[in-house]
C-alpha atoms as a PDB file:
ATOM      1  CA  UNK A   1     -50.335  22.532  38.560  1.00  0.00           C
ATOM      2  CA  UNK A   2     -46.585  22.889  38.165  1.00  0.00           C
ATOM      3  CA  UNK A   3     -44.774  25.824  36.633  1.00  0.00           C
ATOM      4  CA  UNK A   4     -41.416  26.107  34.907  1.00  0.00           C
ATOM      5  CA  UNK A   5     -39.431  29.327  34.494  1.00  0.00           C
ATOM      6  CA  UNK A   6     -37.293  30.001  31.428  1.00  0.00           C
ATOM      7  CA  UNK A   7     -35.025  33.073  31.508  1.00  0.00           C
ATOM      8  CA  UNK A   8     -33.469  34.352  28.278  1.00  0.00           C
ATOM      9  CA  UNK A   9     -30.875  37.130  27.931  1.00  0.00           C
ATOM     10  CA  UNK A  10     -29.106  38.741  25.019  1.00  0.00           C
ATOM     11  CA  UNK A  11     -25.607  37.380  24.494  1.00  0.00           C
ATOM     12  CA  UNK A  12     -23.014  39.655  26.150  1.00  0.00           C
ATOM     13  CA  UNK A  13     -21.574  40.753  22.798  1.00  0.00           C
ATOM     14  CA  UNK A  14     -24.977  41.869  21.464  1.00  0.00           C
ATOM     15  CA  UNK A  15     -25.884  45.539  21.790  1.00  0.00           C
ATOM     16  CA  UNK A  16     -28.833  46.051  24.173  1.00  0.00           C
ATOM     17  CA  UNK A  17     -30.477  49.371  23.240  1.00  0.00           C
ATOM     18  CA  UNK A  18     -33.339  48.944  25.709  1.00  0.00           C
ATOM     19  CA  UNK A  19     -30.900  48.250  28.516  1.00  0.00           C
ATOM     20  CA  UNK A  20     -28.854  51.294  27.491  1.00  0.00           C
ATOM     21  CA  UNK A  21     -31.975  53.474  27.488  1.00  0.00           C
ATOM     22  CA  UNK A  22     -32.864  52.316  30.988  1.00  0.00           C
ATOM     23  CA  UNK A  23     -29.251  52.836  32.125  1.00  0.00           C
ATOM     24  CA  UNK A  24     -29.376  56.401  30.786  1.00  0.00           C
ATOM     25  CA  UNK A  25     -32.668  57.133  32.578  1.00  0.00           C
ATOM     26  CA  UNK A  26     -31.679  55.803  36.007  1.00  0.00           C
ATOM     27  CA  UNK A  27     -29.472  58.773  37.032  1.00  0.00           C
ATOM     28  CA  UNK A  28     -32.297  61.162  36.163  1.00  0.00           C
ATOM     29  CA  UNK A  29     -34.320  59.332  38.800  1.00  0.00           C
ATOM     30  CA  UNK A  30     -31.531  59.668  41.360  1.00  0.00           C
ATOM     31  CA  UNK A  31     -30.459  56.041  40.892  1.00  0.00           C
ATOM     32  CA  UNK A  32     -26.851  56.466  39.857  1.00  0.00           C
ATOM     33  CA  UNK A  33     -25.286  53.435  41.541  1.00  0.00           C
ATOM     34  CA  UNK A  34     -25.968  51.104  38.598  1.00  0.00           C
ATOM     35  CA  UNK A  35     -23.182  50.727  36.043  1.00  0.00           C
ATOM     36  CA  UNK A  36     -24.958  48.567  33.444  1.00  0.00           C
ATOM     37  CA  UNK A  37     -28.419  47.307  32.558  1.00  0.00           C
ATOM     38  CA  UNK A  38     -29.194  44.272  30.418  1.00  0.00           C
ATOM     39  CA  UNK A  39     -32.779  43.445  29.558  1.00  0.00           C
ATOM     40  CA  UNK A  40     -34.022  39.895  29.202  1.00  0.00           C
ATOM     41  CA  UNK A  41     -37.246  37.988  29.079  1.00  0.00           C
ATOM     42  CA  UNK A  42     -38.922  35.430  31.323  1.00  0.00           C
ATOM     43  CA  UNK A  43     -41.387  32.740  30.334  1.00  0.00           C
ATOM     44  CA  UNK A  44     -43.506  30.808  32.816  1.00  0.00           C
ATOM     45  CA  UNK A  45     -44.735  27.483  31.432  1.00  0.00           C
ATOM     46  CA  UNK A  46     -47.552  25.641  33.247  1.00  0.00           C
ATOM     47  CA  UNK A  47     -48.043  21.873  33.251  1.00  0.00           C
ATOM     48  CA  UNK A  48     -50.733  19.604  34.661  1.00  0.00           C
ATOM     49  CA  UNK A  49     -49.538  17.972  37.857  1.00  0.00           C
ATOM     50  CA  UNK A  50     -46.074  18.232  39.357  1.00  0.00           C
ATOM     51  CA  UNK A  51     -43.064  19.184  37.240  1.00  0.00           C
ATOM     52  CA  UNK A  52     -41.063  16.156  36.125  1.00  0.00           C
ATOM     53  CA  UNK A  53     -37.622  15.801  34.560  1.00  0.00           C
ATOM     54  CA  UNK A  54     -39.426  15.171  31.251  1.00  0.00           C
ATOM     55  CA  UNK A  55     -41.213  18.513  31.599  1.00  0.00           C
ATOM     56  CA  UNK A  56     -37.926  20.274  32.331  1.00  0.00           C
ATOM     57  CA  UNK A  57     -36.251  18.617  29.331  1.00  0.00           C
ATOM     58  CA  UNK A  58     -39.138  19.679  27.089  1.00  0.00           C
ATOM     59  CA  UNK A  59     -38.946  23.225  28.484  1.00  0.00           C
ATOM     60  CA  UNK A  60     -35.218  23.335  27.707  1.00  0.00           C
ATOM     61  CA  UNK A  61     -35.941  22.162  24.158  1.00  0.00           C
ATOM     62  CA  UNK A  62     -38.669  24.805  23.759  1.00  0.00           C
ATOM     63  CA  UNK A  63     -36.297  27.424  25.170  1.00  0.00           C
ATOM     64  CA  UNK A  64     -33.556  26.566  22.687  1.00  0.00           C
ATOM     65  CA  UNK A  65     -35.802  26.203  19.623  1.00  0.00           C
ATOM     66  CA  UNK A  66     -38.719  28.613  20.089  1.00  0.00           C
ATOM     67  CA  UNK A  67     -38.421  30.902  23.113  1.00  0.00           C
ATOM     68  CA  UNK A  68     -34.986  32.236  22.241  1.00  0.00           C
ATOM     69  CA  UNK A  69     -33.083  33.266  19.148  1.00  0.00           C
ATOM     70  CA  UNK A  70     -29.821  31.311  19.535  1.00  0.00           C
ATOM     71  CA  UNK A  71     -27.972  33.710  17.245  1.00  0.00           C
ATOM     72  CA  UNK A  72     -28.359  36.626  19.668  1.00  0.00           C
ATOM     73  CA  UNK A  73     -29.743  35.165  22.918  1.00  0.00           C
ATOM     74  CA  UNK A  74     -28.703  32.683  25.601  1.00  0.00           C
ATOM     75  CA  UNK A  75     -31.056  30.579  27.672  1.00  0.00           C
ATOM     76  CA  UNK A  76     -29.640  31.342  31.097  1.00  0.00           C
ATOM     77  CA  UNK A  77     -32.013  29.435  33.349  1.00  0.00           C
ATOM     78  CA  UNK A  78     -34.685  26.715  33.230  1.00  0.00           C
ATOM     79  CA  UNK A  79     -36.081  25.632  36.585  1.00  0.00           C
ATOM     80  CA  UNK A  80     -39.239  24.670  38.428  1.00  0.00           C
ATOM     81  CA  UNK A  81     -41.063  27.609  39.977  1.00  0.00           C
ATOM     82  CA  UNK A  82     -41.240  26.810  43.686  1.00  0.00           C
ATOM     83  CA  UNK A  83     -44.195  27.656  45.908  1.00  0.00           C
ATOM     84  CA  UNK A  84     -42.244  30.372  47.745  1.00  0.00           C
ATOM     85  CA  UNK A  85     -40.881  31.976  44.569  1.00  0.00           C
ATOM     86  CA  UNK A  86     -43.027  34.662  42.920  1.00  0.00           C
ATOM     87  CA  UNK A  87     -43.970  34.204  39.272  1.00  0.00           C
ATOM     88  CA  UNK A  88     -42.860  37.801  38.744  1.00  0.00           C
ATOM     89  CA  UNK A  89     -40.457  39.804  40.810  1.00  0.00           C
ATOM     90  CA  UNK A  90     -42.450  41.955  43.221  1.00  0.00           C
ATOM     91  CA  UNK A  91     -42.274  45.709  42.755  1.00  0.00           C
ATOM     92  CA  UNK A  92     -41.171  47.358  45.971  1.00  0.00           C
ATOM     93  CA  UNK A  93     -40.086  50.783  47.074  1.00  0.00           C
ATOM     94  CA  UNK A  94     -41.434  54.306  46.791  1.00  0.00           C
ATOM     95  CA  UNK A  95     -42.816  53.887  43.264  1.00  0.00           C
ATOM     96  CA  UNK A  96     -44.846  50.770  44.105  1.00  0.00           C
END
């Protein structure tokens, strides 16, 4: 089974209230080295068999027409999820 990752982010000119809320909370946790936070979303699409160029093209079409709102969001990445790449970013550190 192959998997395709689609990453979507708000356009830079769009206000990101969730990102701002996280940015405001970070210093209270002693994490004051971050100057900005932007929140996005990640989709992982599964296909039968290996990922083909046709699958990737279909994923790009789905990303542009269904998975994102092109008025306020950009599709920033569509790629095959490799075997050594985690489906989700691992949580590490003291809070994990």
